[in-house]
């Protein structure tokens, strides 16, 4: 996408979204507000983004033939991955044909696996990360865990929303962690990563917006809390020193410059008393960034769209202390209904987003509560209370 094309960009553009979950749904809404045409693609029907897209396709994104067929049918201007499990070598082919892949086909290939992005950061760019090792068998994991030490963290190199992640306290827990990681691995990979456990003060996401022909810009840092490797709540702004924010921005820019392209990147960091430690990177909107649906003048999905299309982003404004809290399913259901929505919405400066997922299972993220407060603690409390009022029946 060259500068002349960006300066003379005409709307609508045809956007193909690969992955159609709740993040994709909000992106489709943002894209359609500027008149774009969106094809939502996923492995199952009636996924959240499909419910608001212009049309949808159900395919296996690990099938090169399926990807070829859907791209040939729709001829999109942009291909925008939303999940990790994609046959990324096909994206390189599509890019060579003149279709813009976000952020780039090469960057997507790098970031679909935790091992590649970790090696880019630590080995090629010299960025501080947690110590790590890999394993493709239980025996290799036992050896790598002993070398890293305990406690450590074990997770698949390819997964989504933290699935398959365990904190391992001793050698007796390694086999259980291996089984859980492999069971929740996405794609073809049967490989896990074991990492040093970082005793951090706070874990943050720095939403980093890389533009085609304008400077890289950042949202205020987002603090978040995880359980089972998946985010439970997030808040903005995160209370960290300005010097550490600048350190995180410098690291995020270094990594995203190496990846290239345009769009929003969710860059995760561990913040300790003494260090800013790179953790992970997603080349798309981040689940913890759903707080921006209430906290900013431009949310992360609107920022992603503007960066992709080369549209101006004159100013990112934090509207006040804000928080999000997830609404989780507690049991399996194929007929999802909710109670408590009216009660949750009765509180001032609280909003509820229900994702429209067609079925539920324990711990599946079904929605999110959003809140603003006089300070972060009040916002977190309001969001948590509101989320607790929503029940699946």
Protein backbone atom coordinates (compact mmCIF):
# COMPACT_ATOMS: atom_id res chain seq x y z
CA UNK A 1 0.00 0.00 0.00
CA UNK A 2 1.96 3.02 -1.20
CA UNK A 3 1.70 6.62 -0.11
CA UNK A 4 -0.21 7.74 -3.20
CA UNK A 5 -2.83 5.05 -2.59
CA UNK A 6 -3.22 6.10 1.04
CA UNK A 7 -3.58 9.76 0.19
CA UNK A 8 -6.23 8.97 -2.41
CA UNK A 9 -7.94 6.20 -0.43
CA UNK A 10 -11.55 5.70 -1.38
CA UNK A 11 -14.16 4.13 0.86
CA UNK A 12 -15.56 1.55 1.10
CA UNK A 13 -12.69 -0.91 1.15
CA UNK A 14 -13.25 -4.67 1.20
CA UNK A 15 -11.83 -6.16 4.39
CA UNK A 16 -11.51 -9.89 5.11
CA UNK A 17 -11.30 -10.76 8.81
CA UNK A 18 -9.67 -14.12 9.57
CA UNK A 19 -11.10 -15.00 12.96
CA UNK A 20 -14.48 -13.71 14.08
CA UNK A 21 -14.53 -13.59 17.87
CA UNK A 22 -15.48 -10.72 20.15
CA UNK A 23 -12.49 -8.58 19.17
CA UNK A 24 -13.35 -9.09 15.53
CA UNK A 25 -16.95 -8.09 16.22
CA UNK A 26 -15.92 -4.70 17.59
CA UNK A 27 -13.54 -4.22 14.67
CA UNK A 28 -16.34 -4.95 12.18
CA UNK A 29 -18.54 -2.36 13.90
CA UNK A 30 -15.74 0.22 13.64
CA UNK A 31 -15.11 -0.64 9.97
CA UNK A 32 -18.76 -0.40 9.01
CA UNK A 33 -19.13 2.99 10.68
CA UNK A 34 -16.82 4.24 7.93
CA UNK A 35 -18.77 2.38 5.27
CA UNK A 36 -16.41 -0.53 4.64
CA UNK A 37 -17.47 -3.98 3.44
CA UNK A 38 -16.40 -6.83 5.74
CA UNK A 39 -16.22 -10.58 5.19
CA UNK A 40 -15.96 -12.42 8.52
CA UNK A 41 -14.26 -15.83 8.39
CA UNK A 42 -14.01 -18.45 11.12
CA UNK A 43 -14.12 -22.19 11.73
CA UNK A 44 -17.68 -22.18 13.10
CA UNK A 45 -20.95 -20.53 12.07
CA UNK A 46 -22.59 -17.60 13.86
CA UNK A 47 -19.35 -16.43 15.46
CA UNK A 48 -19.65 -12.94 17.03
CA UNK A 49 -18.16 -10.94 14.15
CA UNK A 50 -20.28 -12.83 11.60
CA UNK A 51 -23.40 -11.42 13.28
CA UNK A 52 -22.50 -7.87 12.22
CA UNK A 53 -20.44 -8.42 9.04
CA UNK A 54 -21.72 -7.97 5.48
CA UNK A 55 -21.16 -11.66 4.81
CA UNK A 56 -19.32 -14.59 6.32
CA UNK A 57 -17.55 -17.83 5.45
CA UNK A 58 -16.96 -20.95 7.54
CA UNK A 59 -13.63 -22.62 6.73
CA UNK A 60 -10.59 -24.22 8.30
CA UNK A 61 -7.96 -21.48 8.38
CA UNK A 62 -5.32 -24.17 8.68
CA UNK A 63 -6.33 -25.37 5.22
CA UNK A 64 -4.40 -23.70 2.41
CA UNK A 65 -7.13 -24.79 -0.04
CA UNK A 66 -9.91 -23.26 2.05
CA UNK A 67 -8.02 -19.97 2.35
CA UNK A 68 -7.33 -19.93 -1.37
CA UNK A 69 -10.98 -20.52 -2.16
CA UNK A 70 -12.35 -17.82 0.12
CA UNK A 71 -9.81 -15.18 -0.96
CA UNK A 72 -10.35 -15.99 -4.66
CA UNK A 73 -14.11 -15.73 -4.17
CA UNK A 74 -14.14 -12.35 -2.40
CA UNK A 75 -10.95 -10.63 -3.67
CA UNK A 76 -10.47 -8.46 -0.56
CA UNK A 77 -8.34 -5.32 -0.47
CA UNK A 78 -7.08 -6.20 3.02
CA UNK A 79 -6.68 -9.46 4.93
CA UNK A 80 -6.79 -8.90 8.69
CA UNK A 81 -5.95 -11.87 10.94
CA UNK A 82 -7.65 -11.94 14.34
CA UNK A 83 -6.40 -15.32 15.59
CA UNK A 84 -3.14 -17.28 15.66
CA UNK A 85 -4.16 -20.54 13.99
CA UNK A 86 -3.83 -19.62 10.31
CA UNK A 87 -1.86 -21.19 7.46
CA UNK A 88 0.46 -18.19 7.40
CA UNK A 89 2.46 -19.24 4.32
CA UNK A 90 -0.68 -18.63 2.26
CA UNK A 91 -0.72 -15.05 3.52
CA UNK A 92 2.69 -14.56 1.92
CA UNK A 93 1.21 -15.70 -1.41
CA UNK A 94 -1.74 -13.35 -1.09
CA UNK A 95 0.57 -10.44 -0.30
CA UNK A 96 2.63 -11.21 -3.40
CA UNK A 97 -0.60 -10.91 -5.42
CA UNK A 98 -1.10 -7.37 -4.19
CA UNK A 99 -3.48 -7.91 -1.25
CA UNK A 100 -2.45 -6.01 1.88
CA UNK A 101 -2.01 -8.36 4.85
CA UNK A 102 -2.12 -6.71 8.28
CA UNK A 103 0.35 -5.89 9.66
CA UNK A 104 2.34 -7.80 6.99
CA UNK A 105 2.40 -11.45 6.01
CA UNK A 106 5.92 -11.82 7.44
CA UNK A 107 4.93 -10.18 10.72
CA UNK A 108 1.88 -12.41 11.00
CA UNK A 109 4.06 -15.45 10.44
CA UNK A 110 6.45 -14.27 13.16
CA UNK A 111 3.81 -13.56 15.77
CA UNK A 112 1.56 -16.59 15.35
CA UNK A 113 3.99 -18.59 17.51
CA UNK A 114 5.38 -17.53 20.88
CA UNK A 115 8.77 -19.06 20.08
CA UNK A 116 9.43 -16.86 17.04
CA UNK A 117 8.48 -13.54 18.60
CA UNK A 118 10.42 -14.40 21.77
CA UNK A 119 13.52 -15.23 19.74
CA UNK A 120 13.16 -12.03 17.70
CA UNK A 121 13.02 -9.95 20.88
CA UNK A 122 15.71 -11.67 22.90
CA UNK A 123 18.18 -12.97 20.32
CA UNK A 124 17.93 -10.54 17.40
CA UNK A 125 16.96 -7.31 19.17
CA UNK A 126 18.68 -7.88 22.52
CA UNK A 127 15.54 -7.14 24.56
CA UNK A 128 15.19 -8.46 28.10
CA UNK A 129 12.64 -11.28 28.32
CA UNK A 130 11.98 -14.04 30.82
CA UNK A 131 14.40 -16.95 30.50
CA UNK A 132 12.79 -19.63 28.38
CA UNK A 133 13.13 -23.03 26.77
CA UNK A 134 11.10 -25.30 24.47
CA UNK A 135 9.89 -28.87 24.54
CA UNK A 136 8.15 -31.18 22.08
CA UNK A 137 8.03 -34.16 24.48
CA UNK A 138 7.33 -34.56 28.18
CA UNK A 139 10.93 -35.63 28.73
CA UNK A 140 12.20 -32.44 27.09
CA UNK A 141 9.85 -30.38 29.25
CA UNK A 142 11.14 -32.03 32.42
CA UNK A 143 14.73 -31.21 31.39
CA UNK A 144 13.89 -27.62 30.38
CA UNK A 145 11.91 -27.03 33.59
CA UNK A 146 14.83 -28.20 35.72
CA UNK A 147 17.13 -25.83 33.82
CA UNK A 148 14.78 -22.81 34.15
CA UNK A 149 13.95 -23.62 37.78
CA UNK A 150 10.73 -23.50 39.79
CA UNK A 151 8.25 -21.94 39.83
CA UNK A 152 7.95 -21.55 36.08
CA UNK A 153 5.23 -21.03 33.49
CA UNK A 154 4.35 -23.61 30.82
CA UNK A 155 2.16 -22.81 27.81
CA UNK A 156 1.68 -23.82 24.17
CA UNK A 157 3.69 -21.88 21.60
CA UNK A 158 0.37 -21.35 19.78
CA UNK A 159 -2.91 -20.81 21.64
CA UNK A 160 -5.52 -18.13 22.24
CA UNK A 161 -6.65 -16.16 25.31
CA UNK A 162 -4.10 -17.79 27.56
CA UNK A 163 -5.50 -21.30 27.13
CA UNK A 164 -3.15 -24.10 28.14
CA UNK A 165 -1.04 -21.98 30.51
CA UNK A 166 0.05 -23.27 33.93
CA UNK A 167 2.23 -22.03 36.75
CA UNK A 168 4.36 -25.03 37.75
CA UNK A 169 5.58 -25.05 41.33
CA UNK A 170 7.59 -28.27 41.34
CA UNK A 171 8.76 -31.16 39.18
CA UNK A 172 5.76 -33.22 40.31
CA UNK A 173 3.45 -30.81 38.42
CA UNK A 174 5.31 -30.86 35.08
CA UNK A 175 3.41 -33.77 33.53
CA UNK A 176 0.04 -32.21 34.35
CA UNK A 177 1.19 -28.92 32.78
CA UNK A 178 2.39 -30.75 29.65
CA UNK A 179 -0.98 -32.51 29.19
CA UNK A 180 -2.90 -29.25 29.69
CA UNK A 181 -0.68 -27.28 27.29
CA UNK A 182 -0.88 -29.86 24.50
CA UNK A 183 -4.65 -30.24 24.92
CA UNK A 184 -5.09 -26.50 24.41
CA UNK A 185 -2.55 -25.98 21.62
CA UNK A 186 -3.85 -24.40 18.41
CA UNK A 187 -2.76 -25.27 14.90
CA UNK A 188 -0.28 -27.97 13.98
CA UNK A 189 2.18 -27.31 16.77
CA UNK A 190 2.78 -29.82 19.58
CA UNK A 191 5.42 -27.60 21.12
CA UNK A 192 5.39 -25.85 24.48
CA UNK A 193 7.43 -23.04 25.96
CA UNK A 194 8.58 -22.99 29.57
CA UNK A 195 9.43 -19.58 31.03
CA UNK A 196 11.03 -18.16 34.11
CA UNK A 197 8.38 -17.01 36.58
CA UNK A 198 8.68 -13.23 36.95
CA UNK A 199 7.70 -11.83 40.35
CA UNK A 200 6.28 -8.63 38.89
CA UNK A 201 4.62 -5.61 40.50
CA UNK A 202 2.15 -5.24 37.65
CA UNK A 203 1.55 -6.71 34.20
CA UNK A 204 0.61 -4.22 31.49
CA UNK A 205 -0.48 -4.05 27.89
CA UNK A 206 0.90 -1.16 25.86
CA UNK A 207 -1.32 -0.67 22.83
CA UNK A 208 1.10 0.42 20.13
CA UNK A 209 -0.23 1.92 16.90
CA UNK A 210 2.12 1.56 13.94
CA UNK A 211 1.17 3.76 10.98
CA UNK A 212 2.12 3.52 7.31
CA UNK A 213 3.60 7.00 6.98
CA UNK A 214 3.25 8.64 10.40
CA UNK A 215 5.01 8.11 13.74
CA UNK A 216 4.25 5.17 16.00
CA UNK A 217 1.95 6.27 18.82
CA UNK A 218 0.79 4.69 22.08
CA UNK A 219 -2.27 4.48 24.30
CA UNK A 220 -1.86 5.01 28.04
CA UNK A 221 -0.72 1.71 29.59
CA UNK A 222 -3.37 -0.81 30.61
CA UNK A 223 -2.96 -2.87 33.77
CA UNK A 224 -4.47 -6.34 33.87
CA UNK A 225 -4.95 -9.39 36.07
CA UNK A 226 -4.97 -12.97 34.81
CA UNK A 227 -6.24 -16.32 36.04
CA UNK A 228 -5.59 -19.62 34.26
CA UNK A 229 -3.52 -17.61 31.80
CA UNK A 230 -6.55 -15.59 30.68
CA UNK A 231 -7.36 -11.98 31.49
CA UNK A 232 -10.03 -11.36 34.14
CA UNK A 233 -9.94 -7.58 34.47
CA UNK A 234 -8.07 -4.64 33.02
CA UNK A 235 -7.81 -1.00 33.91
CA UNK A 236 -6.47 2.23 32.48
CA UNK A 237 -4.26 4.02 33.28
CA UNK A 238 -1.84 1.60 34.92
CA UNK A 239 -0.01 3.20 37.84
CA UNK A 240 3.61 2.99 36.76
CA UNK A 241 6.40 5.54 36.74
CA UNK A 242 6.81 7.74 33.68
CA UNK A 243 10.36 6.48 33.16
CA UNK A 244 9.08 2.89 32.91
CA UNK A 245 6.35 3.94 30.47
CA UNK A 246 9.05 5.47 28.27
CA UNK A 247 11.13 2.29 28.55
CA UNK A 248 8.13 0.19 27.52
CA UNK A 249 7.40 2.49 24.59
CA UNK A 250 10.98 2.25 23.37
CA UNK A 251 10.90 -1.55 23.52
CA UNK A 252 7.49 -1.73 21.83
CA UNK A 253 8.65 0.51 19.02
CA UNK A 254 11.83 -1.51 18.55
CA UNK A 255 9.87 -4.76 18.18
CA UNK A 256 7.11 -3.36 15.97
CA UNK A 257 9.64 -1.58 13.75
CA UNK A 258 11.30 -4.97 13.21
CA UNK A 259 7.94 -6.49 12.25
CA UNK A 260 6.82 -3.66 9.96
CA UNK A 261 3.42 -2.94 8.45
CA UNK A 262 0.61 -1.03 10.11
CA UNK A 263 -2.09 -1.59 12.70
CA UNK A 264 -2.39 -1.89 16.44
CA UNK A 265 -0.13 -4.21 18.44
CA UNK A 266 -0.89 -5.39 21.96
CA UNK A 267 2.55 -5.49 23.59
CA UNK A 268 2.66 -7.07 27.04
CA UNK A 269 5.23 -6.32 29.73
CA UNK A 270 6.10 -7.38 33.24
CA UNK A 271 6.92 -4.34 35.37
CA UNK A 272 9.13 -5.05 38.38
CA UNK A 273 10.70 -2.69 40.86
CA UNK A 274 13.84 -2.51 38.73
CA UNK A 275 12.94 -3.65 35.22
CA UNK A 276 10.59 -3.48 32.26
CA UNK A 277 10.51 -7.01 30.81
CA UNK A 278 9.02 -7.85 27.42
CA UNK A 279 6.47 -10.67 27.67
CA UNK A 280 4.39 -11.17 24.50
CA UNK A 281 3.02 -9.38 21.46
CA UNK A 282 -0.21 -9.70 19.46
CA UNK A 283 -0.40 -7.96 16.05
CA UNK A 284 -4.03 -6.93 16.49
CA UNK A 285 -6.42 -5.54 19.13
CA UNK A 286 -5.85 -7.07 22.55
CA UNK A 287 -8.45 -8.57 24.88
CA UNK A 288 -7.27 -6.39 27.79
CA UNK A 289 -7.78 -3.40 25.48
CA UNK A 290 -11.55 -3.82 25.59
CA UNK A 291 -11.39 -1.27 28.40
CA UNK A 292 -10.81 1.34 25.67
CA UNK A 293 -14.45 0.89 24.64
CA UNK A 294 -15.22 3.17 27.59
CA UNK A 295 -11.89 4.80 28.48
CA UNK A 296 -10.76 6.56 25.28
CA UNK A 297 -12.10 8.91 22.62
CA UNK A 298 -10.90 6.37 20.03
CA UNK A 299 -11.07 2.73 21.11
CA UNK A 300 -8.49 0.14 20.06
CA UNK A 301 -10.67 -1.13 17.20
CA UNK A 302 -11.10 2.33 15.70
CA UNK A 303 -7.37 2.92 16.06
CA UNK A 304 -6.61 -0.40 14.33
CA UNK A 305 -8.91 0.52 11.45
CA UNK A 306 -7.46 4.01 11.01
CA UNK A 307 -3.90 2.68 11.03
CA UNK A 308 -4.79 -0.02 8.49
CA UNK A 309 -6.45 2.43 6.11
CA UNK A 310 -3.85 5.15 6.61
CA UNK A 311 -6.41 7.53 8.12
CA UNK A 312 -5.27 10.28 10.52
CA UNK A 313 -5.12 9.75 14.29
CA UNK A 314 -4.77 13.34 15.52
CA UNK A 315 -5.22 12.67 19.24
CA UNK A 316 -5.79 9.82 21.70
CA UNK A 317 -7.53 11.06 24.83
CA UNK A 318 -8.06 9.15 28.07
CA UNK A 319 -11.55 10.03 29.25
CA UNK A 320 -10.97 9.05 32.86
CA UNK A 321 -10.07 6.15 35.11
CA UNK A 322 -11.74 3.06 33.64
CA UNK A 323 -11.87 -0.71 34.00
CA UNK A 324 -13.20 -3.89 32.43
CA UNK A 325 -14.19 -7.19 34.03
CA UNK A 326 -14.99 -10.36 32.11
CA UNK A 327 -18.30 -12.21 32.21
CA UNK A 328 -17.54 -15.93 32.23
CA UNK A 329 -19.66 -19.00 31.65
CA UNK A 330 -19.74 -21.50 34.51
CA UNK A 331 -21.13 -24.49 32.64
CA UNK A 332 -21.76 -25.89 29.19
CA UNK A 333 -24.79 -24.59 27.28
CA UNK A 334 -26.02 -24.61 23.69
CA UNK A 335 -28.84 -22.15 24.42
CA UNK A 336 -27.19 -19.08 25.93
CA UNK A 337 -29.39 -16.60 27.80
CA UNK A 338 -28.53 -14.00 30.44
CA UNK A 339 -30.14 -12.52 33.51
CA UNK A 340 -29.10 -9.52 35.58
CA UNK A 341 -28.41 -7.19 32.67
CA UNK A 342 -30.83 -4.50 33.84
CA UNK A 343 -29.44 -4.62 37.37
CA UNK A 344 -25.87 -4.30 36.09
CA UNK A 345 -26.75 -1.32 33.91
CA UNK A 346 -28.48 0.54 36.75
CA UNK A 347 -25.13 1.85 38.03
CA UNK A 348 -23.89 5.17 36.65
CA UNK A 349 -20.99 4.97 34.15
CA UNK A 350 -21.33 1.21 33.65
CA UNK A 351 -21.78 -0.54 30.30
CA UNK A 352 -22.19 -4.18 29.33
CA UNK A 353 -21.05 -5.87 26.11
CA UNK A 354 -22.43 -9.38 25.47
CA UNK A 355 -20.54 -11.08 22.67
CA UNK A 356 -23.29 -13.26 21.20
CA UNK A 357 -21.34 -16.51 21.29
CA UNK A 358 -23.72 -19.32 20.29
CA UNK A 359 -22.63 -21.72 23.03
CA UNK A 360 -20.86 -21.71 26.37
CA UNK A 361 -18.51 -23.88 28.39
CA UNK A 362 -16.79 -23.34 31.75
CA UNK A 363 -14.60 -20.23 31.82
CA UNK A 364 -15.52 -19.17 28.29
CA UNK A 365 -15.58 -15.38 27.99
CA UNK A 366 -19.17 -14.41 27.12
CA UNK A 367 -19.11 -10.69 27.71
CA UNK A 368 -17.44 -7.83 29.50
CA UNK A 369 -18.50 -5.17 31.99
CA UNK A 370 -17.03 -1.69 31.55
CA UNK A 371 -16.96 1.12 34.09
CA UNK A 372 -15.59 4.57 34.77
CA UNK A 373 -14.82 5.87 38.24
CA UNK A 374 -13.30 8.72 40.19
CA UNK A 375 -10.13 6.61 40.29
CA UNK A 376 -8.97 3.23 39.04
CA UNK A 377 -9.95 1.37 42.22
CA UNK A 378 -13.53 2.65 42.01
CA UNK A 379 -13.72 1.79 38.31
CA UNK A 380 -12.41 -1.74 38.96
CA UNK A 381 -14.89 -2.30 41.76
CA UNK A 382 -17.82 -1.08 39.66
CA UNK A 383 -16.84 -3.26 36.71
CA UNK A 384 -16.37 -6.34 38.89
CA UNK A 385 -19.70 -5.86 40.65
CA UNK A 386 -21.50 -5.34 37.34
CA UNK A 387 -19.93 -8.44 35.80
CA UNK A 388 -20.96 -10.47 38.85
CA UNK A 389 -24.60 -9.52 38.35
CA UNK A 390 -24.74 -11.11 34.88
CA UNK A 391 -25.68 -14.78 35.05
CA UNK A 392 -25.98 -17.35 32.26
CA UNK A 393 -29.11 -19.48 32.54
